[in-house]
Every structure is written in C-alpha cells, then in structure tokens.
C-alpha atoms as a PDB file:
ATOM      1  CA  MET A   1     160.002 128.931-172.325  1.00  0.00           C
ATOM      2  CA  LYS A   2     156.530 127.968-173.466  1.00  0.00           C
ATOM      3  CA  PHE A   3     155.407 124.369-173.165  1.00  0.00           C
ATOM      4  CA  VAL A   4     153.621 123.030-176.252  1.00  0.00           C
ATOM      5  CA  PRO A   5     151.436 119.945-175.518  1.00  0.00           C
ATOM      6  CA  LEU A   6     151.909 118.088-178.796  1.00  0.00           C
ATOM      7  CA  PHE A   7     153.746 114.976-177.644  1.00  0.00           C
ATOM      8  CA  ASP A   8     151.297 113.400-175.192  1.00  0.00           C
ATOM      9  CA  GLU A   9     151.163 110.210-177.245  1.00  0.00           C
ATOM     10  CA  VAL A  10     154.950 109.936-177.242  1.00  0.00           C
ATOM     11  CA  THR A  11     155.061 110.465-173.491  1.00  0.00           C
ATOM     12  CA  SER A  12     152.427 107.775-172.963  1.00  0.00           C
ATOM     13  CA  VAL A  13     154.566 105.076-174.589  1.00  0.00           C
ATOM     14  CA  LEU A  14     157.572 106.114-172.482  1.00  0.00           C
ATOM     15  CA  ASN A  15     155.822 104.977-169.304  1.00  0.00           C
ATOM     16  CA  PHE A  16     155.314 101.268-168.695  1.00  0.00           C
ATOM     17  CA  SER A  17     156.284  98.382-166.454  1.00  0.00           C
ATOM     18  CA  THR A  18     158.006  95.071-166.981  1.00  0.00           C
ATOM     19  CA  LEU A  19     158.626  92.229-164.567  1.00  0.00           C
ATOM     20  CA  ASP A  20     162.025  93.667-163.699  1.00  0.00           C
ATOM     21  CA  CYS A  21     161.643  97.427-163.870  1.00  0.00           C
ATOM     22  CA  ARG A  22     159.485 100.472-164.351  1.00  0.00           C
ATOM     23  CA  VAL A  23     160.208 102.865-167.194  1.00  0.00           C
ATOM     24  CA  ILE A  24     159.319 106.501-166.522  1.00  0.00           C
ATOM     25  CA  GLY A  25     159.781 109.176-169.136  1.00  0.00           C
ATOM     26  CA  GLY A  26     158.465 112.104-171.061  1.00  0.00           C
ATOM     27  CA  CYS A  27     158.809 113.987-174.314  1.00  0.00           C
ATOM     28  CA  ASP A  28     158.391 117.726-173.747  1.00  0.00           C
ATOM     29  CA  LEU A  29     158.267 120.363-176.470  1.00  0.00           C
ATOM     30  CA  TYR A  30     159.146 123.983-175.709  1.00  0.00           C
ATOM     31  CA  THR A  31     159.503 127.148-177.700  1.00  0.00           C
ATOM     32  CA  THR A  32     162.545 129.271-176.899  1.00  0.00           C
ATOM     33  CA  LYS A  33     160.570 132.500-176.659  1.00  0.00           C
ATOM     34  CA  ALA A  34     161.302 133.788-173.184  1.00  0.00           C
ATOM     35  CA  ALA A  35     158.570 134.480-170.664  1.00  0.00           C
ATOM     36  CA  GLY A  36     159.065 136.964-167.837  1.00  0.00           C
ATOM     37  CA  SER A  37     160.621 134.473-165.414  1.00  0.00           C
ATOM     38  CA  ASP A  38     162.789 133.025-168.194  1.00  0.00           C
ATOM     39  CA  LYS A  39     164.295 136.410-169.000  1.00  0.00           C
ATOM     40  CA  LYS A  40     165.497 136.759-165.427  1.00  0.00           C
ATOM     41  CA  LEU A  41     166.923 133.235-165.478  1.00  0.00           C
ATOM     42  CA  TYR A  42     168.668 133.875-168.796  1.00  0.00           C
ATOM     43  CA  ARG A  43     170.204 137.081-167.470  1.00  0.00           C
ATOM     44  CA  ASN A  44     171.436 135.380-164.311  1.00  0.00           C
ATOM     45  CA  ILE A  45     172.982 132.473-166.202  1.00  0.00           C
ATOM     46  CA  GLU A  46     174.569 134.686-168.830  1.00  0.00           C
ATOM     47  CA  TYR A  47     175.914 137.010-166.148  1.00  0.00           C
ATOM     48  CA  SER A  48     177.390 134.079-164.222  1.00  0.00           C
ATOM     49  CA  LEU A  49     179.057 132.605-167.307  1.00  0.00           C
ATOM     50  CA  GLU A  50     180.284 135.989-168.461  1.00  0.00           C
ATOM     51  CA  SER A  51     181.794 136.636-165.038  1.00  0.00           C
ATOM     52  CA  GLN A  52     183.576 133.298-165.182  1.00  0.00           C
ATOM     53  CA  TYR A  53     184.863 134.132-168.648  1.00  0.00           C
ATOM     54  CA  VAL A  54     186.173 137.528-167.542  1.00  0.00           C
ATOM     55  CA  SER A  55     187.873 135.917-164.549  1.00  0.00           C
ATOM     56  CA  LEU A  56     189.544 133.447-166.883  1.00  0.00           C
ATOM     57  CA  LEU A  57     190.781 136.286-169.061  1.00  0.00           C
ATOM     58  CA  LYS A  58     192.291 138.073-166.075  1.00  0.00           C
ATOM     59  CA  TYR A  59     193.871 134.884-164.757  1.00  0.00           C
ATOM     60  CA  SER A  60     195.323 133.977-168.147  1.00  0.00           C
ATOM     61  CA  ALA A  61     196.713 137.472-168.579  1.00  0.00           C
ATOM     62  CA  SER A  62     198.384 137.295-165.182  1.00  0.00           C
ATOM     63  CA  ILE A  63     200.227 134.023-165.870  1.00  0.00           C
ATOM     64  CA  ALA A  64     201.062 134.442-169.569  1.00  0.00           C
ATOM     65  CA  SER A  65     204.439 135.832-170.547  1.00  0.00           C
ATOM     66  CA  PRO A  66     204.447 138.860-172.907  1.00  0.00           C
ATOM     67  CA  SER A  67     205.996 136.775-175.672  1.00  0.00           C
ATOM     68  CA  GLU A  68     203.192 134.226-175.622  1.00  0.00           C
ATOM     69  CA  GLY A  69     200.488 136.662-176.568  1.00  0.00           C
ATOM     70  CA  LEU A  70     196.795 136.136-175.925  1.00  0.00           C
ATOM     71  CA  SER A  71     194.002 135.479-178.366  1.00  0.00           C
ATOM     72  CA  PRO A  72     190.258 135.094-177.869  1.00  0.00           C
ATOM     73  CA  LYS A  73     190.463 131.633-179.428  1.00  0.00           C
ATOM     74  CA  THR A  74     192.899 130.285-176.851  1.00  0.00           C
ATOM     75  CA  LEU A  75     191.019 131.854-173.966  1.00  0.00           C
ATOM     76  CA  SER A  76     187.469 130.884-174.916  1.00  0.00           C
ATOM     77  CA  GLN A  77     186.198 128.138-172.666  1.00  0.00           C
ATOM     78  CA  PRO A  78     185.396 125.004-174.638  1.00  0.00           C
ATOM     79  CA  SER A  79     181.816 123.856-174.250  1.00  0.00           C
ATOM     80  CA  PRO A  80     179.265 121.741-176.109  1.00  0.00           C
ATOM     81  CA  PHE A  81     177.490 124.964-177.049  1.00  0.00           C
ATOM     82  CA  GLY A  82     180.483 126.683-178.600  1.00  0.00           C
ATOM     83  CA  PRO A  83     182.807 129.332-177.142  1.00  0.00           C
ATOM     84  CA  LEU A  84     181.276 130.765-173.998  1.00  0.00           C
ATOM     85  CA  SER A  85     182.593 134.160-175.022  1.00  0.00           C
ATOM     86  CA  GLN A  86     179.687 134.238-177.478  1.00  0.00           C
ATOM     87  CA  ILE A  87     176.242 135.263-176.299  1.00  0.00           C
ATOM     88  CA  SER A  88     174.567 132.641-178.491  1.00  0.00           C
ATOM     89  CA  SER A  89     176.473 129.844-176.742  1.00  0.00           C
ATOM     90  CA  ARG A  90     175.515 131.081-173.304  1.00  0.00           C
ATOM     91  CA  ARG A  91     171.911 131.519-174.379  1.00  0.00           C
ATOM     92  CA  THR A  92     171.655 127.922-175.642  1.00  0.00           C
ATOM     93  CA  PHE A  93     172.918 126.670-172.291  1.00  0.00           C
ATOM     94  CA  ALA A  94     170.318 128.861-170.580  1.00  0.00           C
ATOM     95  CA  TYR A  95     167.576 127.323-172.734  1.00  0.00           C
ATOM     96  CA  LEU A  96     168.415 123.840-171.498  1.00  0.00           C
ATOM     97  CA  ILE A  97     168.519 124.934-167.868  1.00  0.00           C
ATOM     98  CA  ALA A  98     165.121 126.610-168.227  1.00  0.00           C
ATOM     99  CA  ILE A  99     163.695 123.437-169.768  1.00  0.00           C
ATOM    100  CA  LEU A 100     165.057 121.252-166.969  1.00  0.00           C
ATOM    101  CA  ASN A 101     163.547 123.597-164.389  1.00  0.00           C
ATOM    102  CA  ALA A 102     160.191 123.471-166.180  1.00  0.00           C
ATOM    103  CA  SER A 103     160.130 119.698-166.718  1.00  0.00           C
ATOM    104  CA  HIS A 104     161.396 118.876-163.205  1.00  0.00           C
ATOM    105  CA  SER A 105     159.722 121.683-161.284  1.00  0.00           C
ATOM    106  CA  ASP A 106     160.823 120.419-157.858  1.00  0.00           C
ATOM    107  CA  TYR A 107     164.428 121.248-158.711  1.00  0.00           C
ATOM    108  CA  ASP A 108     166.437 124.340-159.588  1.00  0.00           C
ATOM    109  CA  PHE A 109     169.281 123.468-161.925  1.00  0.00           C
ATOM    110  CA  SER A 110     170.562 126.988-162.463  1.00  0.00           C
ATOM    111  CA  GLU A 111     172.962 126.794-159.523  1.00  0.00           C
ATOM    112  CA  ILE A 112     174.192 123.220-159.859  1.00  0.00           C
ATOM    113  CA  LEU A 113     174.855 122.609-163.555  1.00  0.00           C
ATOM    114  CA  SER A 114     177.564 123.980-165.817  1.00  0.00           C
ATOM    115  CA  PRO A 115     178.029 123.728-169.602  1.00  0.00           C
ATOM    116  CA  THR A 116     180.486 120.871-169.105  1.00  0.00           C
ATOM    117  CA  ASP A 117     177.661 118.733-167.703  1.00  0.00           C
ATOM    118  CA  PHE A 118     176.296 118.449-171.244  1.00  0.00           C
ATOM    119  CA  ARG A 119     177.604 116.773-174.363  1.00  0.00           C
ATOM    120  CA  ARG A 120     176.900 117.633-177.973  1.00  0.00           C
ATOM    121  CA  GLU A 121     176.028 114.586-180.044  1.00  0.00           C
ATOM    122  CA  ARG A 122     177.600 114.345-183.493  1.00  0.00           C
ATOM    123  CA  SER A 123     175.241 111.800-185.026  1.00  0.00           C
ATOM    124  CA  LEU A 124     171.448 111.911-184.940  1.00  0.00           C
ATOM    125  CA  LYS A 125     171.304 108.324-186.120  1.00  0.00           C
ATOM    126  CA  SER A 126     173.506 107.175-183.227  1.00  0.00           C
ATOM    127  CA  VAL A 127     171.253 108.930-180.732  1.00  0.00           C
ATOM    128  CA  ILE A 128     168.169 107.300-182.220  1.00  0.00           C
ATOM    129  CA  ASN A 129     169.877 103.897-182.090  1.00  0.00           C
ATOM    130  CA  VAL A 130     170.768 104.341-178.412  1.00  0.00           C
ATOM    131  CA  ILE A 131     167.227 105.317-177.465  1.00  0.00           C
ATOM    132  CA  ASP A 132     165.670 102.562-179.563  1.00  0.00           C
ATOM    133  CA  SER A 133     168.036  99.913-178.189  1.00  0.00           C
ATOM    134  CA  ASN A 134     167.235 100.742-174.572  1.00  0.00           C
ATOM    135  CA  LEU A 135     163.487 100.904-175.062  1.00  0.00           C
ATOM    136  CA  ASN A 136     163.096  98.018-177.482  1.00  0.00           C
ATOM    137  CA  GLY A 137     165.178  95.794-175.244  1.00  0.00           C
ATOM    138  CA  LEU A 138     162.526  96.132-172.560  1.00  0.00           C
ATOM    139  CA  ARG A 139     159.391  96.272-174.652  1.00  0.00           C
ATOM    140  CA  PRO A 140     158.889  94.595-178.041  1.00  0.00           C
ATOM    141  CA  VAL A 141     158.095  97.046-180.805  1.00  0.00           C
ATOM    142  CA  ALA A 142     155.254  96.589-183.262  1.00  0.00           C
ATOM    143  CA  SER A 143     155.878  95.434-186.802  1.00  0.00           C
ATOM    144  CA  VAL A 144     156.708  98.596-188.735  1.00  0.00           C
ATOM    145  CA  ASN A 145     158.157  99.753-192.013  1.00  0.00           C
ATOM    146  CA  HIS A 146     160.169 102.957-192.066  1.00  0.00           C
ATOM    147  CA  GLN A 147     162.561 104.824-194.300  1.00  0.00           C
ATOM    148  CA  ASN A 148     166.276 104.965-193.652  1.00  0.00           C
ATOM    149  CA  LEU A 149     167.462 108.194-192.056  1.00  0.00           C
ATOM    150  CA  THR A 150     169.791 108.905-194.952  1.00  0.00           C
ATOM    151  CA  GLN A 151     166.787 109.057-197.266  1.00  0.00           C
ATOM    152  CA  GLY A 152     165.384 111.971-195.296  1.00  0.00           C
ATOM    153  CA  GLY A 153     162.332 112.117-193.095  1.00  0.00           C
ATOM    154  CA  PHE A 154     160.522 109.464-191.124  1.00  0.00           C
ATOM    155  CA  SER A 155     157.471 107.407-191.939  1.00  0.00           C
ATOM    156  CA  ALA A 156     155.906 104.426-190.266  1.00  0.00           C
ATOM    157  CA  THR A 157     152.965 102.086-190.381  1.00  0.00           C
ATOM    158  CA  SER A 158     151.879  99.703-187.691  1.00  0.00           C
ATOM    159  CA  SER A 159     149.587  96.724-187.561  1.00  0.00           C
ATOM    160  CA  SER A 160     148.978  97.171-183.846  1.00  0.00           C
ATOM    161  CA  PRO A 161     145.799  98.801-182.569  1.00  0.00           C
ATOM    162  CA  SER A 162     146.151 102.342-181.261  1.00  0.00           C
ATOM    163  CA  HIS A 163     145.617 101.349-177.638  1.00  0.00           C
ATOM    164  CA  SER A 164     148.766  99.192-177.674  1.00  0.00           C
ATOM    165  CA  ARG A 165     151.130 101.677-179.254  1.00  0.00           C
ATOM    166  CA  LYS A 166     154.768 101.015-178.435  1.00  0.00           C
ATOM    167  CA  TRP A 167     158.022 102.807-179.004  1.00  0.00           C
ATOM    168  CA  GLY A 168     159.172 102.705-182.607  1.00  0.00           C
ATOM    169  CA  PRO A 169     159.597 104.709-185.823  1.00  0.00           C
ATOM    170  CA  ASP A 170     156.038 106.023-185.586  1.00  0.00           C
ATOM    171  CA  MET A 171     157.031 107.881-182.420  1.00  0.00           C
ATOM    172  CA  TRP A 172     160.029 109.386-184.182  1.00  0.00           C
ATOM    173  CA  ALA A 173     157.693 110.408-186.996  1.00  0.00           C
ATOM    174  CA  ILE A 174     155.542 112.363-184.540  1.00  0.00           C
ATOM    175  CA  ILE A 175     158.602 114.158-183.164  1.00  0.00           C
ATOM    176  CA  ASP A 176     160.069 114.762-186.595  1.00  0.00           C
ATOM    177  CA  LYS A 177     156.846 116.375-187.820  1.00  0.00           C
ATOM    178  CA  GLU A 178     157.225 119.143-185.234  1.00  0.00           C
ATOM    179  CA  MET A 179     161.022 119.351-185.032  1.00  0.00           C
ATOM    180  CA  VAL A 180     162.568 118.378-188.412  1.00  0.00           C
ATOM    181  CA  LEU A 181     165.124 116.232-186.610  1.00  0.00           C
ATOM    182  CA  GLU A 182     167.784 116.375-189.320  1.00  0.00           C
ATOM    183  CA  ASP A 183     168.003 120.133-188.746  1.00  0.00           C
ATOM    184  CA  CYS A 184     168.402 119.765-184.990  1.00  0.00           C
ATOM    185  CA  THR A 185     171.466 120.028-182.801  1.00  0.00           C
ATOM    186  CA  VAL A 186     171.332 117.274-180.181  1.00  0.00           C
ATOM    187  CA  TYR A 187     172.667 117.586-176.639  1.00  0.00           C
ATOM    188  CA  CYS A 188     172.938 114.863-174.021  1.00  0.00           C
ATOM    189  CA  TRP A 189     172.834 115.257-170.257  1.00  0.00           C
ATOM    190  CA  ALA A 190     173.819 112.360-167.998  1.00  0.00           C
ATOM    191  CA  PRO A 191     173.074 113.307-164.383  1.00  0.00           C
ATOM    192  CA  PRO A 192     174.448 111.207-161.529  1.00  0.00           C
ATOM    193  CA  ASP A 193     171.769 109.665-159.332  1.00  0.00           C
ATOM    194  CA  GLU A 194     173.067 111.508-156.293  1.00  0.00           C
ATOM    195  CA  LEU A 195     172.195 114.809-157.944  1.00  0.00           C
ATOM    196  CA  PHE A 196     168.589 114.134-157.001  1.00  0.00           C
ATOM    197  CA  ASP A 197     169.443 112.520-153.675  1.00  0.00           C
ATOM    198  CA  GLY A 198     167.382 109.553-154.817  1.00  0.00           C
ATOM    199  CA  ASP A 199     166.990 106.479-152.689  1.00  0.00           C
ATOM    200  CA  GLU A 200     166.381 104.218-155.676  1.00  0.00           C
ATOM    201  CA  ARG A 201     169.168 104.026-158.232  1.00  0.00           C
ATOM    202  CA  SER A 202     168.338 104.019-161.907  1.00  0.00           C
ATOM    203  CA  ILE A 203     169.225 100.990-163.980  1.00  0.00           C
ATOM    204  CA  TRP A 204     169.793 103.454-166.802  1.00  0.00           C
ATOM    205  CA  SER A 205     168.648 106.908-167.798  1.00  0.00           C
ATOM    206  CA  MET A 206     168.636 109.000-170.967  1.00  0.00           C
ATOM    207  CA  ASN A 207     168.227 112.755-171.312  1.00  0.00           C
ATOM    208  CA  TYR A 208     168.405 114.294-174.788  1.00  0.00           C
ATOM    209  CA  PHE A 209     167.630 117.769-176.098  1.00  0.00           C
ATOM    210  CA  PHE A 210     166.790 118.307-179.769  1.00  0.00           C
ATOM    211  CA  PHE A 211     167.277 121.994-180.591  1.00  0.00           C
ATOM    212  CA  ASN A 212     166.024 123.444-183.867  1.00  0.00           C
ATOM    213  CA  LYS A 213     167.370 126.972-183.934  1.00  0.00           C
ATOM    214  CA  GLU A 214     165.398 128.004-187.013  1.00  0.00           C
ATOM    215  CA  LEU A 215     162.080 126.814-185.602  1.00  0.00           C
ATOM    216  CA  LYS A 216     162.985 128.162-182.149  1.00  0.00           C
ATOM    217  CA  ARG A 217     161.963 124.888-180.559  1.00  0.00           C
ATOM    218  CA  VAL A 218     163.558 122.380-178.207  1.00  0.00           C
ATOM    219  CA  THR A 219     162.311 118.867-177.492  1.00  0.00           C
ATOM    220  CA  TYR A 220     163.448 117.311-174.237  1.00  0.00           C
ATOM    221  CA  LEU A 221     163.229 113.504-174.250  1.00  0.00           C
ATOM    222  CA  HIS A 222     163.934 111.963-170.861  1.00  0.00           C
ATOM    223  CA  VAL A 223     163.575 108.322-169.808  1.00  0.00           C
ATOM    224  CA  ARG A 224     164.848 106.251-166.925  1.00  0.00           C
ATOM    225  CA  ALA A 225     164.390 102.667-165.786  1.00  0.00           C
ATOM    226  CA  ILE A 226     164.194 101.878-162.091  1.00  0.00           C
ATOM    227  CA  PRO A 227     164.039  98.458-160.443  1.00  0.00           C
ATOM    228  CA  ALA A 228     160.558  97.065-159.884  1.00  0.00           C
ATOM    229  CA  MET A 229     159.321  97.873-156.395  1.00  0.00           C
ATOM    230  CA  THR A 230     160.148  95.011-154.077  1.00  0.00           C
ATOM    231  CA  HIS A 231     158.371  96.519-151.077  1.00  0.00           C
ATOM    232  CA  SER A 232     154.675  96.414-150.370  1.00  0.00           C
ATOM    233  CA  PRO A 233     152.772  99.737-150.176  1.00  0.00           C
ATOM    234  CA  ARG A 234     152.751  99.398-146.369  1.00  0.00           C
ATOM    235  CA  GLU A 235     156.541  98.982-146.284  1.00  0.00           C
ATOM    236  CA  CYS A 236     156.915 102.006-148.557  1.00  0.00           C
ATOM    237  CA  VAL A 237     154.878 104.079-146.117  1.00  0.00           C
ATOM    238  CA  GLU A 238     157.033 102.938-143.215  1.00  0.00           C
ATOM    239  CA  MET A 239     160.194 103.915-145.076  1.00  0.00           C
ATOM    240  CA  PHE A 240     158.814 107.370-145.768  1.00  0.00           C
ATOM    241  CA  LYS A 241     157.687 107.798-142.148  1.00  0.00           C
ATOM    242  CA  GLN A 242     161.253 107.264-140.939  1.00  0.00           C
ATOM    243  CA  THR A 243     162.265 110.560-142.552  1.00  0.00           C
ATOM    244  CA  ALA A 244     158.988 112.440-142.197  1.00  0.00           C
ATOM    245  CA  ASN A 245     159.986 114.666-139.300  1.00  0.00           C
ATOM    246  CA  THR A 246     163.336 115.850-140.622  1.00  0.00           C
ATOM    247  CA  HIS A 247     163.155 115.426-144.365  1.00  0.00           C
ATOM    248  CA  GLN A 248     159.466 115.577-145.284  1.00  0.00           C
ATOM    249  CA  SER A 249     159.807 117.967-148.194  1.00  0.00           C
ATOM    250  CA  GLY A 250     162.901 116.306-149.610  1.00  0.00           C
ATOM    251  CA  ALA A 251     161.380 112.830-149.302  1.00  0.00           C
ATOM    252  CA  ASN A 252     158.277 113.856-151.202  1.00  0.00           C
ATOM    253  CA  LYS A 253     160.381 115.483-153.888  1.00  0.00           C
ATOM    254  CA  ARG A 254     162.533 112.402-154.316  1.00  0.00           C
ATOM    255  CA  ALA A 255     159.460 110.188-154.356  1.00  0.00           C
ATOM    256  CA  ARG A 256     157.835 112.115-157.175  1.00  0.00           C
ATOM    257  CA  PHE A 257     160.984 112.133-159.260  1.00  0.00           C
ATOM    258  CA  TRP A 258     161.866 108.491-158.786  1.00  0.00           C
ATOM    259  CA  LEU A 259     158.458 106.841-158.467  1.00  0.00           C
ATOM    260  CA  GLY A 260     156.398 108.973-160.812  1.00  0.00           C
ATOM    261  CA  ASP A 261     152.632 108.876-160.303  1.00  0.00           C
ATOM    262  CA  GLN A 262     152.868 106.091-157.710  1.00  0.00           C
ATOM    263  CA  ALA A 263     154.468 108.526-155.298  1.00  0.00           C
ATOM    264  CA  ASP A 264     151.231 110.450-154.818  1.00  0.00           C
ATOM    265  CA  ASN A 265     149.525 107.349-153.398  1.00  0.00           C
ATOM    266  CA  VAL A 266     152.432 106.648-151.055  1.00  0.00           C
ATOM    267  CA  ILE A 267     152.665 110.246-149.837  1.00  0.00           C
ATOM    268  CA  TYR A 268     148.884 110.497-149.372  1.00  0.00           C
ATOM    269  CA  GLU A 269     148.737 107.338-147.268  1.00  0.00           C
ATOM    270  CA  GLN A 270     151.788 108.456-145.316  1.00  0.00           C
ATOM    271  CA  GLN A 271     150.219 111.812-144.484  1.00  0.00           C
ATOM    272  CA  ALA A 272     146.933 110.177-143.468  1.00  0.00           C
ATOM    273  CA  GLU A 273     148.736 107.927-140.997  1.00  0.00           C
ATOM    274  CA  LEU A 274     150.708 110.846-139.581  1.00  0.00           C
ATOM    275  CA  ASP A 275     147.479 112.822-139.112  1.00  0.00           C
ATOM    276  CA  ALA A 276     145.896 109.848-137.346  1.00  0.00           C
ATOM    277  CA  GLU A 277     148.868 109.588-134.997  1.00  0.00           C
ATOM    278  CA  ASP A 278     148.581 113.294-134.190  1.00  0.00           C
ATOM    279  CA  GLU A 279     144.906 112.870-133.271  1.00  0.00           C
ATOM    280  CA  VAL A 280     145.712 109.975-130.936  1.00  0.00           C
ATOM    281  CA  SER A 281     148.509 111.880-129.235  1.00  0.00           C
END
C-alpha cells in the first residue's frame, strides 16, 4: 500500500477537545498497488484464507450424504467481501488489513482479524449520516450549503475562516474529489476496546473504509471519542510507572493509541523520572 498525503486538512478537523471528551481521528488515503512488504502480507493472508476454505470443503464433504450433493455456492464462506473462494474477495480483505497495519503501526492485525470482523455498508448516505451525527453532536458545524447526495457529487461553501474549519460537507467534498464516493464500496470495522488492551474505554468509535476499485484507492476514516482526562500529568506519570518494569512496551503502545499526541509528553516525563531514579540508586 502507498500512503497518499492528500487529506491532512480532513484529519486536522477530526482532532479536537470538548469539555467532556477528546476526539482523535484520521483520514488516510492509500493506493492498492502492493509494495514489497505488502505482497508478502497479501500472500500470507490469501494462503490462510484459502487453507480455511479447503478445510471447509473437506469437512463438508465428510459430513454430507451422497444424495445431498455439494456445490461451490453452498460451500463458499459468506463474507462482506464476497465468497472467499474468489481471489478478489480475499485480496480486498488483505487490502484492509494492510491499511490497518500501516495506519496503526504499533499493531499487527493480520493474525487477529478475520473477514467476519468487517461489515459491508449498503448505503453511502447512511454512513455519512452516522459520521456527521457523531461529530456534529460534539462540535457545531459551520453554516454551509450543499447538494443532496441523490443529485450527485458534493459541494460546500462556508462563512467560517479557514483556521476554524469544522467537520461538514466541505470535508466530504475534499474526500469525494479524490475518491468519487458514489462509486465506492464501504466497509465498517467495529473493534472491541479490549483488542488494543486499552486502559481508557472509548465513548464511541468509527472505522470506515471507502474502496474505489476502479481508481485503486482506499480511504480509511477512523475516529474515536475518549473521556476527558481527569488525572493531572503527574498522576498520569505515576500510573504509567506502575507498569513500567513489566509492561513498558505495551503501556507506551496503548498510550499512543488511546491518548494520541499527548502520550509522547507522558512517556517522555515518565522515562526521565525513571532515569533519575536509576542515577540515585
């Protein structure tokens, strides 16, 4: 996968704070052209899924009576990407795994996710409404005028200055310019918090993939809201120190995922205090 840095402005409006929570997100654009490491990942995922499919065939053949007969249709595993007996379905799943690995580089999703962890969305408009409702409920949008989806395309104007851009139709217009959203297949991924072993639970999270097969592009839009920090920076350091000896790497990883940029300050201060303690001892 190749990252294309065209959505920095969209990402910037997906990160903000309110009195009750912090919203952390991103909008990442990738091409589906495989790099060297991607090709290996694709092969491994396709091989794993193909092996599972072959095992299913053998199992089904062993329990089916001769009169029942077997057909590829009845044996193909259902998935949001289509029958997993087809290479194209397995490859689409591999694309999403590669994107997750690239966007959340501290994690390897190739061994922990399956096609059933995703859902194919049937309505682009419904997806847009869900995203807009969550974001607009936390942050007022600017006054805008935009066309209805059924009229094709997106357009927007805003009376707000550029430095106070907020989520709204103008953000969708930026995405649509690069993706042609009406031609995209949309997939949703709803990970449980425990997947990341996070200490701070999300209030809500959204993870959507917009795949334009013709353009060979995928946009990954991910946003989550976490409760506003109730601890002082000093208390945060103390909490991290409690796990420093046995879970240092995992704690830092969780901090970066759940706290975003603030984690670097916490981890830096934590490490400085640990170094000072070592000098004293």
